Amino acid sequence: MRRIFIAIGAAAPARFAWLFYVVGAFLIRAAYGLIGSGSGQP
């Protein structure tokens, strides 16, 4: 069972590399929104 999950984990980045760009773009967009919408008060 452990070997199966290791194999899946090793193959996942190669198969879904495009997904990292999508998630990265979303995180950058969310950070930009948080920084840009700050009202200056904690």
PDB file of N, CA and C in Angstrom:
ATOM      1  N   MET A   1       0.828  -1.187   0.000  1.00  0.00           N
ATOM      2  CA  MET A   1       0.000   0.000   0.000  1.00  0.00           C
ATOM      3  C   MET A   1       0.875   1.256   0.000  1.00  0.00           C
ATOM      4  N   ARG A   2       1.908   1.245   0.816  1.00  0.00           N
ATOM      5  CA  ARG A   2       2.794   2.397   0.900  1.00  0.00           C
ATOM      6  C   ARG A   2       3.507   2.640  -0.427  1.00  0.00           C
ATOM      7  N   ARG A   3       3.928   1.585  -1.078  1.00  0.00           N
ATOM      8  CA  ARG A   3       4.623   1.723  -2.364  1.00  0.00           C
ATOM      9  C   ARG A   3       3.710   2.314  -3.428  1.00  0.00           C
ATOM     10  N   ILE A   4       2.445   1.973  -3.377  1.00  0.00           N
ATOM     11  CA  ILE A   4       1.492   2.514  -4.346  1.00  0.00           C
ATOM     12  C   ILE A   4       1.394   4.026  -4.191  1.00  0.00           C
ATOM     13  N   PHE A   5       1.256   4.502  -2.953  1.00  0.00           N
ATOM     14  CA  PHE A   5       1.137   5.935  -2.720  1.00  0.00           C
ATOM     15  C   PHE A   5       2.433   6.673  -3.077  1.00  0.00           C
ATOM     16  N   ILE A   6       3.574   6.049  -2.842  1.00  0.00           N
ATOM     17  CA  ILE A   6       4.850   6.652  -3.219  1.00  0.00           C
ATOM     18  C   ILE A   6       4.934   6.774  -4.739  1.00  0.00           C
ATOM     19  N   ALA A   7       4.521   5.741  -5.442  1.00  0.00           N
ATOM     20  CA  ALA A   7       4.552   5.766  -6.904  1.00  0.00           C
ATOM     21  C   ALA A   7       3.596   6.824  -7.456  1.00  0.00           C
ATOM     22  N   ILE A   8       2.415   6.923  -6.877  1.00  0.00           N
ATOM     23  CA  ILE A   8       1.451   7.940  -7.312  1.00  0.00           C
ATOM     24  C   ILE A   8       2.005   9.335  -7.034  1.00  0.00           C
ATOM     25  N   GLY A   9       2.593   9.514  -5.860  1.00  0.00           N
ATOM     26  CA  GLY A   9       3.165  10.810  -5.502  1.00  0.00           C
ATOM     27  C   GLY A   9       4.331  11.203  -6.389  1.00  0.00           C
ATOM     28  N   ALA A  10       5.072  10.238  -6.853  1.00  0.00           N
ATOM     29  CA  ALA A  10       6.200  10.528  -7.736  1.00  0.00           C
ATOM     30  C   ALA A  10       5.722  10.833  -9.155  1.00  0.00           C
ATOM     31  N   ALA A  11       4.651  10.215  -9.589  1.00  0.00           N
ATOM     32  CA  ALA A  11       4.152  10.413 -10.947  1.00  0.00           C
ATOM     33  C   ALA A  11       3.238  11.628 -11.066  1.00  0.00           C
ATOM     34  N   ALA A  12       2.633  12.048  -9.980  1.00  0.00           N
ATOM     35  CA  ALA A  12       1.659  13.148 -10.031  1.00  0.00           C
ATOM     36  C   ALA A  12       2.270  14.459 -10.537  1.00  0.00           C
ATOM     37  N   PRO A  13       3.425  14.906 -10.051  1.00  0.00           N
ATOM     38  CA  PRO A  13       3.961  16.176 -10.555  1.00  0.00           C
ATOM     39  C   PRO A  13       4.247  16.162 -12.053  1.00  0.00           C
ATOM     40  N   ALA A  14       4.685  15.052 -12.575  1.00  0.00           N
ATOM     41  CA  ALA A  14       4.962  14.978 -14.006  1.00  0.00           C
ATOM     42  C   ALA A  14       3.676  15.028 -14.821  1.00  0.00           C
ATOM     43  N   ARG A  15       2.629  14.437 -14.306  1.00  0.00           N
ATOM     44  CA  ARG A  15       1.366  14.386 -15.049  1.00  0.00           C
ATOM     45  C   ARG A  15       0.569  15.670 -14.916  1.00  0.00           C
ATOM     46  N   PHE A  16       0.631  16.310 -13.757  1.00  0.00           N
ATOM     47  CA  PHE A  16      -0.191  17.480 -13.500  1.00  0.00           C
ATOM     48  C   PHE A  16       0.649  18.739 -13.298  1.00  0.00           C
ATOM     49  N   ALA A  17       1.737  18.880 -14.053  1.00  0.00           N
ATOM     50  CA  ALA A  17       2.625  20.032 -13.901  1.00  0.00           C
ATOM     51  C   ALA A  17       1.892  21.324 -14.216  1.00  0.00           C
ATOM     52  N   TRP A  18       0.966  21.305 -15.155  1.00  0.00           N
ATOM     53  CA  TRP A  18       0.223  22.512 -15.512  1.00  0.00           C
ATOM     54  C   TRP A  18      -0.623  23.012 -14.352  1.00  0.00           C
ATOM     55  N   LEU A  19      -1.003  22.107 -13.465  1.00  0.00           N
ATOM     56  CA  LEU A  19      -1.848  22.491 -12.334  1.00  0.00           C
ATOM     57  C   LEU A  19      -1.088  23.389 -11.361  1.00  0.00           C
ATOM     58  N   PHE A  20       0.227  23.212 -11.255  1.00  0.00           N
ATOM     59  CA  PHE A  20       1.022  24.070 -10.379  1.00  0.00           C
ATOM     60  C   PHE A  20       0.971  25.521 -10.852  1.00  0.00           C
ATOM     61  N   TYR A  21       0.955  25.743 -12.166  1.00  0.00           N
ATOM     62  CA  TYR A  21       0.854  27.099 -12.690  1.00  0.00           C
ATOM     63  C   TYR A  21      -0.507  27.712 -12.387  1.00  0.00           C
ATOM     64  N   VAL A  22      -1.548  26.910 -12.481  1.00  0.00           N
ATOM     65  CA  VAL A  22      -2.892  27.408 -12.180  1.00  0.00           C
ATOM     66  C   VAL A  22      -3.003  27.787 -10.708  1.00  0.00           C
ATOM     67  N   VAL A  23      -2.543  26.921  -9.833  1.00  0.00           N
ATOM     68  CA  VAL A  23      -2.605  27.197  -8.393  1.00  0.00           C
ATOM     69  C   VAL A  23      -1.716  28.389  -8.049  1.00  0.00           C
ATOM     70  N   GLY A  24      -0.538  28.474  -8.647  1.00  0.00           N
ATOM     71  CA  GLY A  24       0.356  29.597  -8.401  1.00  0.00           C
ATOM     72  C   GLY A  24      -0.253  30.913  -8.835  1.00  0.00           C
ATOM     73  N   ALA A  25      -0.895  30.932  -9.996  1.00  0.00           N
ATOM     74  CA  ALA A  25      -1.552  32.149 -10.464  1.00  0.00           C
ATOM     75  C   ALA A  25      -2.684  32.549  -9.531  1.00  0.00           C
ATOM     76  N   PHE A  26      -3.430  31.581  -9.043  1.00  0.00           N
ATOM     77  CA  PHE A  26      -4.510  31.870  -8.104  1.00  0.00           C
ATOM     78  C   PHE A  26      -3.961  32.465  -6.810  1.00  0.00           C
ATOM     79  N   LEU A  27      -2.880  31.910  -6.295  1.00  0.00           N
ATOM     80  CA  LEU A  27      -2.299  32.416  -5.051  1.00  0.00           C
ATOM     81  C   LEU A  27      -1.745  33.828  -5.219  1.00  0.00           C
ATOM     82  N   ILE A  28      -1.113  34.085  -6.350  1.00  0.00           N
ATOM     83  CA  ILE A  28      -0.603  35.432  -6.605  1.00  0.00           C
ATOM     84  C   ILE A  28      -1.754  36.420  -6.720  1.00  0.00           C
ATOM     85  N   ARG A  29      -2.815  36.020  -7.395  1.00  0.00           N
ATOM     86  CA  ARG A  29      -3.992  36.887  -7.543  1.00  0.00           C
ATOM     87  C   ARG A  29      -4.634  37.151  -6.183  1.00  0.00           C
ATOM     88  N   ALA A  30      -4.740  36.141  -5.352  1.00  0.00           N
ATOM     89  CA  ALA A  30      -5.323  36.312  -4.023  1.00  0.00           C
ATOM     90  C   ALA A  30      -4.452  37.220  -3.157  1.00  0.00           C
ATOM     91  N   ALA A  31      -3.132  37.053  -3.226  1.00  0.00           N
ATOM     92  CA  ALA A  31      -2.231  37.905  -2.452  1.00  0.00           C
ATOM     93  C   ALA A  31      -2.324  39.349  -2.925  1.00  0.00           C
ATOM     94  N   TYR A  32      -2.396  39.559  -4.225  1.00  0.00           N
ATOM     95  CA  TYR A  32      -2.525  40.905  -4.767  1.00  0.00           C
ATOM     96  C   TYR A  32      -3.830  41.540  -4.299  1.00  0.00           C
ATOM     97  N   GLY A  33      -4.886  40.765  -4.266  1.00  0.00           N
ATOM     98  CA  GLY A  33      -6.164  41.282  -3.786  1.00  0.00           C
ATOM     99  C   GLY A  33      -6.118  41.650  -2.310  1.00  0.00           C
ATOM    100  N   LEU A  34      -5.442  40.845  -1.513  1.00  0.00           N
ATOM    101  CA  LEU A  34      -5.331  41.145  -0.086  1.00  0.00           C
ATOM    102  C   LEU A  34      -4.477  42.390   0.163  1.00  0.00           C
ATOM    103  N   ILE A  35      -3.395  42.512  -0.583  1.00  0.00           N
ATOM    104  CA  ILE A  35      -2.507  43.657  -0.413  1.00  0.00           C
ATOM    105  C   ILE A  35      -3.193  44.937  -0.909  1.00  0.00           C
ATOM    106  N   GLY A  36      -3.860  44.821  -2.039  1.00  0.00           N
ATOM    107  CA  GLY A  36      -4.494  45.995  -2.632  1.00  0.00           C
ATOM    108  C   GLY A  36      -5.726  46.478  -1.902  1.00  0.00           C
ATOM    109  N   SER A  37      -6.402  45.608  -1.180  1.00  0.00           N
ATOM    110  CA  SER A  37      -7.659  46.000  -0.519  1.00  0.00           C
ATOM    111  C   SER A  37      -7.448  46.401   0.929  1.00  0.00           C
ATOM    112  N   GLY A  38      -6.213  46.474   1.386  1.00  0.00           N
ATOM    113  CA  GLY A  38      -5.947  46.846   2.776  1.00  0.00           C
ATOM    114  C   GLY A  38      -6.388  48.283   3.042  1.00  0.00           C
ATOM    115  N   SER A  39      -7.062  48.479   4.149  1.00  0.00           N
ATOM    116  CA  SER A  39      -7.547  49.817   4.494  1.00  0.00           C
ATOM    117  C   SER A  39      -6.553  50.574   5.362  1.00  0.00           C
ATOM    118  N   GLY A  40      -5.456  49.937   5.738  1.00  0.00           N
ATOM    119  CA  GLY A  40      -4.456  50.600   6.552  1.00  0.00           C
ATOM    120  C   GLY A  40      -4.661  50.395   8.044  1.00  0.00           C
ATOM    121  N   GLN A  41      -5.753  49.800   8.440  1.00  0.00           N
ATOM    122  CA  GLN A  41      -6.028  49.551   9.844  1.00  0.00           C
ATOM    123  C   GLN A  41      -5.896  48.056  10.122  1.00  0.00           C
ATOM    124  N   PRO A  42      -5.307  47.707  11.277  1.00  0.00           N
ATOM    125  CA  PRO A  42      -5.153  46.273  11.596  1.00  0.00           C
ATOM    126  C   PRO A  42      -6.444  45.586  11.914  1.00  0.00           C
TER     127      PRO A  42
END
